[in-house]
Amino acid sequence: YKEVAYKAIQGIIREVSKDGALQNVSVGTGMGDNLDFYREIKITTMPYGQSLAVLCLAEFLHSYS
């Protein structure tokens, strides 16, 4: 799984802005009836996105470095 983990981390790091905020996090995802519902969900920086990115990066450092 190491190769997949590196790809995932690269994707997360690409979304971190210069000030350290994770970009492109959904503002919330409820249940929708079709794909357009999900395509139209607004994206921004959200606290839960920041915390999940930190958790993912910490796990990566623990497991793969």
PDB file of N, CA and C in Angstrom:
ATOM      1  N   TYR A   1       0.804  -1.210   0.000  1.00  0.00           N
ATOM      2  CA  TYR A   1       0.000   0.000   0.000  1.00  0.00           C
ATOM      3  C   TYR A   1       0.849   1.277   0.000  1.00  0.00           C
ATOM      4  N   LYS A   2       2.153   1.105   0.099  1.00  0.00           N
ATOM      5  CA  LYS A   2       3.033   2.263   0.211  1.00  0.00           C
ATOM      6  C   LYS A   2       2.903   3.200  -0.994  1.00  0.00           C
ATOM      7  N   GLU A   3       2.856   2.660  -2.184  1.00  0.00           N
ATOM      8  CA  GLU A   3       2.742   3.485  -3.390  1.00  0.00           C
ATOM      9  C   GLU A   3       1.437   4.287  -3.390  1.00  0.00           C
ATOM     10  N   VAL A   4       0.354   3.660  -2.997  1.00  0.00           N
ATOM     11  CA  VAL A   4      -0.943   4.336  -2.920  1.00  0.00           C
ATOM     12  C   VAL A   4      -0.914   5.425  -1.847  1.00  0.00           C
ATOM     13  N   ALA A   5      -0.286   5.138  -0.716  1.00  0.00           N
ATOM     14  CA  ALA A   5      -0.187   6.117   0.362  1.00  0.00           C
ATOM     15  C   ALA A   5       0.572   7.354  -0.096  1.00  0.00           C
ATOM     16  N   TYR A   6       1.666   7.171  -0.822  1.00  0.00           N
ATOM     17  CA  TYR A   6       2.432   8.307  -1.324  1.00  0.00           C
ATOM     18  C   TYR A   6       1.610   9.152  -2.292  1.00  0.00           C
ATOM     19  N   LYS A   7       0.839   8.513  -3.147  1.00  0.00           N
ATOM     20  CA  LYS A   7      -0.016   9.266  -4.073  1.00  0.00           C
ATOM     21  C   LYS A   7      -1.062  10.079  -3.312  1.00  0.00           C
ATOM     22  N   ALA A   8      -1.655   9.480  -2.290  1.00  0.00           N
ATOM     23  CA  ALA A   8      -2.665  10.190  -1.498  1.00  0.00           C
ATOM     24  C   ALA A   8      -2.056  11.385  -0.785  1.00  0.00           C
ATOM     25  N   ILE A   9      -0.884  11.213  -0.198  1.00  0.00           N
ATOM     26  CA  ILE A   9      -0.225  12.308   0.511  1.00  0.00           C
ATOM     27  C   ILE A   9       0.135  13.426  -0.458  1.00  0.00           C
ATOM     28  N   GLN A  10       0.605  13.089  -1.636  1.00  0.00           N
ATOM     29  CA  GLN A  10       0.921  14.112  -2.633  1.00  0.00           C
ATOM     30  C   GLN A  10      -0.321  14.923  -2.984  1.00  0.00           C
ATOM     31  N   GLY A  11      -1.465  14.253  -3.107  1.00  0.00           N
ATOM     32  CA  GLY A  11      -2.716  14.950  -3.399  1.00  0.00           C
ATOM     33  C   GLY A  11      -3.114  15.896  -2.280  1.00  0.00           C
ATOM     34  N   ILE A  12      -2.931  15.483  -1.051  1.00  0.00           N
ATOM     35  CA  ILE A  12      -3.258  16.347   0.085  1.00  0.00           C
ATOM     36  C   ILE A  12      -2.319  17.540   0.127  1.00  0.00           C
ATOM     37  N   ILE A  13      -1.036  17.291  -0.028  1.00  0.00           N
ATOM     38  CA  ILE A  13      -0.051  18.376   0.048  1.00  0.00           C
ATOM     39  C   ILE A  13      -0.298  19.410  -1.048  1.00  0.00           C
ATOM     40  N   ARG A  14      -0.712  18.972  -2.227  1.00  0.00           N
ATOM     41  CA  ARG A  14      -1.020  19.924  -3.314  1.00  0.00           C
ATOM     42  C   ARG A  14      -2.145  20.877  -2.934  1.00  0.00           C
ATOM     43  N   GLU A  15      -3.016  20.456  -2.041  1.00  0.00           N
ATOM     44  CA  GLU A  15      -4.158  21.283  -1.652  1.00  0.00           C
ATOM     45  C   GLU A  15      -3.881  22.186  -0.442  1.00  0.00           C
ATOM     46  N   VAL A  16      -2.694  22.129   0.109  1.00  0.00           N
ATOM     47  CA  VAL A  16      -2.354  22.985   1.250  1.00  0.00           C
ATOM     48  C   VAL A  16      -1.819  24.313   0.716  1.00  0.00           C
ATOM     49  N   SER A  17      -2.440  25.408   1.128  1.00  0.00           N
ATOM     50  CA  SER A  17      -2.023  26.734   0.665  1.00  0.00           C
ATOM     51  C   SER A  17      -0.743  27.163   1.370  1.00  0.00           C
ATOM     52  N   LYS A  18      -0.175  28.268   0.926  1.00  0.00           N
ATOM     53  CA  LYS A  18       1.068  28.782   1.529  1.00  0.00           C
ATOM     54  C   LYS A  18       0.899  29.128   2.993  1.00  0.00           C
ATOM     55  N   ASP A  19      -0.313  29.488   3.404  1.00  0.00           N
ATOM     56  CA  ASP A  19      -0.545  29.803   4.826  1.00  0.00           C
ATOM     57  C   ASP A  19      -0.936  28.568   5.639  1.00  0.00           C
ATOM     58  N   GLY A  20      -0.911  27.384   5.006  1.00  0.00           N
ATOM     59  CA  GLY A  20      -1.128  26.134   5.727  1.00  0.00           C
ATOM     60  C   GLY A  20      -2.556  25.645   5.783  1.00  0.00           C
ATOM     61  N   ALA A  21      -3.464  26.276   5.063  1.00  0.00           N
ATOM     62  CA  ALA A  21      -4.869  25.857   5.077  1.00  0.00           C
ATOM     63  C   ALA A  21      -5.140  24.854   3.961  1.00  0.00           C
ATOM     64  N   LEU A  22      -5.838  23.788   4.289  1.00  0.00           N
ATOM     65  CA  LEU A  22      -6.226  22.809   3.284  1.00  0.00           C
ATOM     66  C   LEU A  22      -7.380  23.374   2.466  1.00  0.00           C
ATOM     67  N   GLN A  23      -7.196  23.438   1.172  1.00  0.00           N
ATOM     68  CA  GLN A  23      -8.197  23.986   0.256  1.00  0.00           C
ATOM     69  C   GLN A  23      -9.119  22.883  -0.245  1.00  0.00           C
ATOM     70  N   ASN A  24     -10.228  23.274  -0.838  1.00  0.00           N
ATOM     71  CA  ASN A  24     -11.139  22.368  -1.543  1.00  0.00           C
ATOM     72  C   ASN A  24     -11.787  21.314  -0.651  1.00  0.00           C
ATOM     73  N   VAL A  25     -12.227  21.736   0.516  1.00  0.00           N
ATOM     74  CA  VAL A  25     -12.971  20.871   1.430  1.00  0.00           C
ATOM     75  C   VAL A  25     -14.451  21.218   1.267  1.00  0.00           C
ATOM     76  N   SER A  26     -15.303  20.226   1.212  1.00  0.00           N
ATOM     77  CA  SER A  26     -16.731  20.512   1.059  1.00  0.00           C
ATOM     78  C   SER A  26     -17.270  21.182   2.319  1.00  0.00           C
ATOM     79  N   VAL A  27     -18.261  22.023   2.141  1.00  0.00           N
ATOM     80  CA  VAL A  27     -18.877  22.701   3.285  1.00  0.00           C
ATOM     81  C   VAL A  27     -19.811  21.777   4.051  1.00  0.00           C
ATOM     82  N   GLY A  28     -19.978  20.596   3.563  1.00  0.00           N
ATOM     83  CA  GLY A  28     -20.835  19.595   4.188  1.00  0.00           C
ATOM     84  C   GLY A  28     -21.498  18.779   3.103  1.00  0.00           C
ATOM     85  N   THR A  29     -21.658  17.519   3.339  1.00  0.00           N
ATOM     86  CA  THR A  29     -22.216  16.653   2.314  1.00  0.00           C
ATOM     87  C   THR A  29     -23.370  15.853   2.883  1.00  0.00           C
ATOM     88  N   GLY A  30     -24.562  16.310   2.579  1.00  0.00           N
ATOM     89  CA  GLY A  30     -25.752  15.555   2.948  1.00  0.00           C
ATOM     90  C   GLY A  30     -26.052  14.516   1.880  1.00  0.00           C
ATOM     91  N   MET A  31     -27.149  13.842   2.029  1.00  0.00           N
ATOM     92  CA  MET A  31     -27.560  12.837   1.044  1.00  0.00           C
ATOM     93  C   MET A  31     -28.208  13.529  -0.151  1.00  0.00           C
ATOM     94  N   GLY A  32     -27.784  13.127  -1.334  1.00  0.00           N
ATOM     95  CA  GLY A  32     -28.355  13.676  -2.554  1.00  0.00           C
ATOM     96  C   GLY A  32     -28.965  12.587  -3.413  1.00  0.00           C
ATOM     97  N   ASP A  33     -29.788  13.017  -4.357  1.00  0.00           N
ATOM     98  CA  ASP A  33     -30.474  12.065  -5.227  1.00  0.00           C
ATOM     99  C   ASP A  33     -29.742  11.776  -6.528  1.00  0.00           C
ATOM    100  N   ASN A  34     -28.766  12.637  -6.887  1.00  0.00           N
ATOM    101  CA  ASN A  34     -28.088  12.448  -8.164  1.00  0.00           C
ATOM    102  C   ASN A  34     -26.679  13.041  -8.107  1.00  0.00           C
ATOM    103  N   LEU A  35     -25.912  12.800  -9.157  1.00  0.00           N
ATOM    104  CA  LEU A  35     -24.532  13.284  -9.183  1.00  0.00           C
ATOM    105  C   LEU A  35     -24.445  14.795  -9.184  1.00  0.00           C
ATOM    106  N   ASP A  36     -25.381  15.471  -9.815  1.00  0.00           N
ATOM    107  CA  ASP A  36     -25.345  16.932  -9.835  1.00  0.00           C
ATOM    108  C   ASP A  36     -25.425  17.522  -8.435  1.00  0.00           C
ATOM    109  N   PHE A  37     -26.166  16.886  -7.550  1.00  0.00           N
ATOM    110  CA  PHE A  37     -26.231  17.345  -6.164  1.00  0.00           C
ATOM    111  C   PHE A  37     -24.829  17.418  -5.577  1.00  0.00           C
ATOM    112  N   TYR A  38     -24.032  16.388  -5.778  1.00  0.00           N
ATOM    113  CA  TYR A  38     -22.683  16.341  -5.224  1.00  0.00           C
ATOM    114  C   TYR A  38     -21.729  17.267  -5.973  1.00  0.00           C
ATOM    115  N   ARG A  39     -21.919  17.414  -7.251  1.00  0.00           N
ATOM    116  CA  ARG A  39     -21.070  18.310  -8.039  1.00  0.00           C
ATOM    117  C   ARG A  39     -21.255  19.769  -7.646  1.00  0.00           C
ATOM    118  N   GLU A  40     -22.409  20.103  -7.129  1.00  0.00           N
ATOM    119  CA  GLU A  40     -22.713  21.498  -6.805  1.00  0.00           C
ATOM    120  C   GLU A  40     -22.445  21.860  -5.346  1.00  0.00           C
ATOM    121  N   ILE A  41     -21.913  20.939  -4.572  1.00  0.00           N
ATOM    122  CA  ILE A  41     -21.579  21.245  -3.174  1.00  0.00           C
ATOM    123  C   ILE A  41     -20.435  22.242  -3.154  1.00  0.00           C
ATOM    124  N   LYS A  42     -20.598  23.297  -2.401  1.00  0.00           N
ATOM    125  CA  LYS A  42     -19.574  24.340  -2.326  1.00  0.00           C
ATOM    126  C   LYS A  42     -18.338  23.810  -1.615  1.00  0.00           C
ATOM    127  N   ILE A  43     -17.183  24.351  -2.008  1.00  0.00           N
ATOM    128  CA  ILE A  43     -15.934  23.955  -1.376  1.00  0.00           C
ATOM    129  C   ILE A  43     -15.204  25.181  -0.846  1.00  0.00           C
ATOM    130  N   THR A  44     -14.481  24.999   0.232  1.00  0.00           N
ATOM    131  CA  THR A  44     -13.745  26.075   0.891  1.00  0.00           C
ATOM    132  C   THR A  44     -12.759  25.429   1.861  1.00  0.00           C
ATOM    133  N   THR A  45     -12.237  26.189   2.801  1.00  0.00           N
ATOM    134  CA  THR A  45     -11.469  25.606   3.890  1.00  0.00           C
ATOM    135  C   THR A  45     -12.434  25.371   5.043  1.00  0.00           C
ATOM    136  N   MET A  46     -12.383  24.195   5.636  1.00  0.00           N
ATOM    137  CA  MET A  46     -13.274  23.855   6.743  1.00  0.00           C
ATOM    138  C   MET A  46     -12.445  23.233   7.859  1.00  0.00           C
ATOM    139  N   PRO A  47     -12.787  23.529   9.125  1.00  0.00           N
ATOM    140  CA  PRO A  47     -12.008  22.978  10.244  1.00  0.00           C
ATOM    141  C   PRO A  47     -11.893  21.456  10.220  1.00  0.00           C
ATOM    142  N   TYR A  48     -12.964  20.741   9.884  1.00  0.00           N
ATOM    143  CA  TYR A  48     -12.864  19.283   9.887  1.00  0.00           C
ATOM    144  C   TYR A  48     -11.928  18.793   8.786  1.00  0.00           C
ATOM    145  N   GLY A  49     -11.830  19.527   7.700  1.00  0.00           N
ATOM    146  CA  GLY A  49     -10.882  19.170   6.645  1.00  0.00           C
ATOM    147  C   GLY A  49      -9.448  19.332   7.111  1.00  0.00           C
ATOM    148  N   GLN A  50      -9.202  20.416   7.850  1.00  0.00           N
ATOM    149  CA  GLN A  50      -7.861  20.649   8.385  1.00  0.00           C
ATOM    150  C   GLN A  50      -7.473  19.521   9.334  1.00  0.00           C
ATOM    151  N   SER A  51      -8.389  19.163  10.212  1.00  0.00           N
ATOM    152  CA  SER A  51      -8.067  18.138  11.210  1.00  0.00           C
ATOM    153  C   SER A  51      -7.857  16.770  10.560  1.00  0.00           C
ATOM    154  N   LEU A  52      -8.649  16.446   9.546  1.00  0.00           N
ATOM    155  CA  LEU A  52      -8.466  15.159   8.866  1.00  0.00           C
ATOM    156  C   LEU A  52      -7.149  15.120   8.099  1.00  0.00           C
ATOM    157  N   ALA A  53      -6.744  16.256   7.525  1.00  0.00           N
ATOM    158  CA  ALA A  53      -5.456  16.305   6.824  1.00  0.00           C
ATOM    159  C   ALA A  53      -4.306  16.118   7.803  1.00  0.00           C
ATOM    160  N   VAL A  54      -4.371  16.771   8.961  1.00  0.00           N
ATOM    161  CA  VAL A  54      -3.328  16.610   9.973  1.00  0.00           C
ATOM    162  C   VAL A  54      -3.261  15.159  10.437  1.00  0.00           C
ATOM    163  N   LEU A  55      -4.409  14.547  10.677  1.00  0.00           N
ATOM    164  CA  LEU A  55      -4.450  13.154  11.090  1.00  0.00           C
ATOM    165  C   LEU A  55      -3.832  12.245  10.017  1.00  0.00           C
ATOM    166  N   CYS A  56      -4.173  12.484   8.770  1.00  0.00           N
ATOM    167  CA  CYS A  56      -3.640  11.685   7.671  1.00  0.00           C
ATOM    168  C   CYS A  56      -2.122  11.847   7.562  1.00  0.00           C
ATOM    169  N   LEU A  57      -1.648  13.083   7.638  1.00  0.00           N
ATOM    170  CA  LEU A  57      -0.206  13.330   7.544  1.00  0.00           C
ATOM    171  C   LEU A  57       0.545  12.708   8.718  1.00  0.00           C
ATOM    172  N   ALA A  58      -0.020  12.782   9.903  1.00  0.00           N
ATOM    173  CA  ALA A  58       0.624  12.177  11.081  1.00  0.00           C
ATOM    174  C   ALA A  58       0.692  10.658  10.933  1.00  0.00           C
ATOM    175  N   GLU A  59      -0.383  10.059  10.462  1.00  0.00           N
ATOM    176  CA  GLU A  59      -0.383   8.609  10.261  1.00  0.00           C
ATOM    177  C   GLU A  59       0.627   8.204   9.198  1.00  0.00           C
ATOM    178  N   PHE A  60       0.717   9.002   8.144  1.00  0.00           N
ATOM    179  CA  PHE A  60       1.686   8.726   7.100  1.00  0.00           C
ATOM    180  C   PHE A  60       3.109   8.760   7.665  1.00  0.00           C
ATOM    181  N   LEU A  61       3.416   9.808   8.426  1.00  0.00           N
ATOM    182  CA  LEU A  61       4.757   9.911   9.028  1.00  0.00           C
ATOM    183  C   LEU A  61       5.044   8.737   9.955  1.00  0.00           C
ATOM    184  N   HIS A  62       4.050   8.331  10.696  1.00  0.00           N
ATOM    185  CA  HIS A  62       4.210   7.220  11.638  1.00  0.00           C
ATOM    186  C   HIS A  62       4.424   5.893  10.901  1.00  0.00           C
ATOM    187  N   SER A  63       3.693   5.688   9.832  1.00  0.00           N
ATOM    188  CA  SER A  63       3.687   4.390   9.161  1.00  0.00           C
ATOM    189  C   SER A  63       4.717   4.239   8.045  1.00  0.00           C
ATOM    190  N   TYR A  64       5.062   5.338   7.374  1.00  0.00           N
ATOM    191  CA  TYR A  64       5.850   5.205   6.151  1.00  0.00           C
ATOM    192  C   TYR A  64       7.174   5.950   6.163  1.00  0.00           C
ATOM    193  N   SER A  65       7.541   6.594   7.244  1.00  0.00           N
ATOM    194  CA  SER A  65       8.827   7.285   7.211  1.00  0.00           C
ATOM    195  C   SER A  65       9.820   6.655   8.161  1.00  0.00           C
TER     196      SER A  65
END
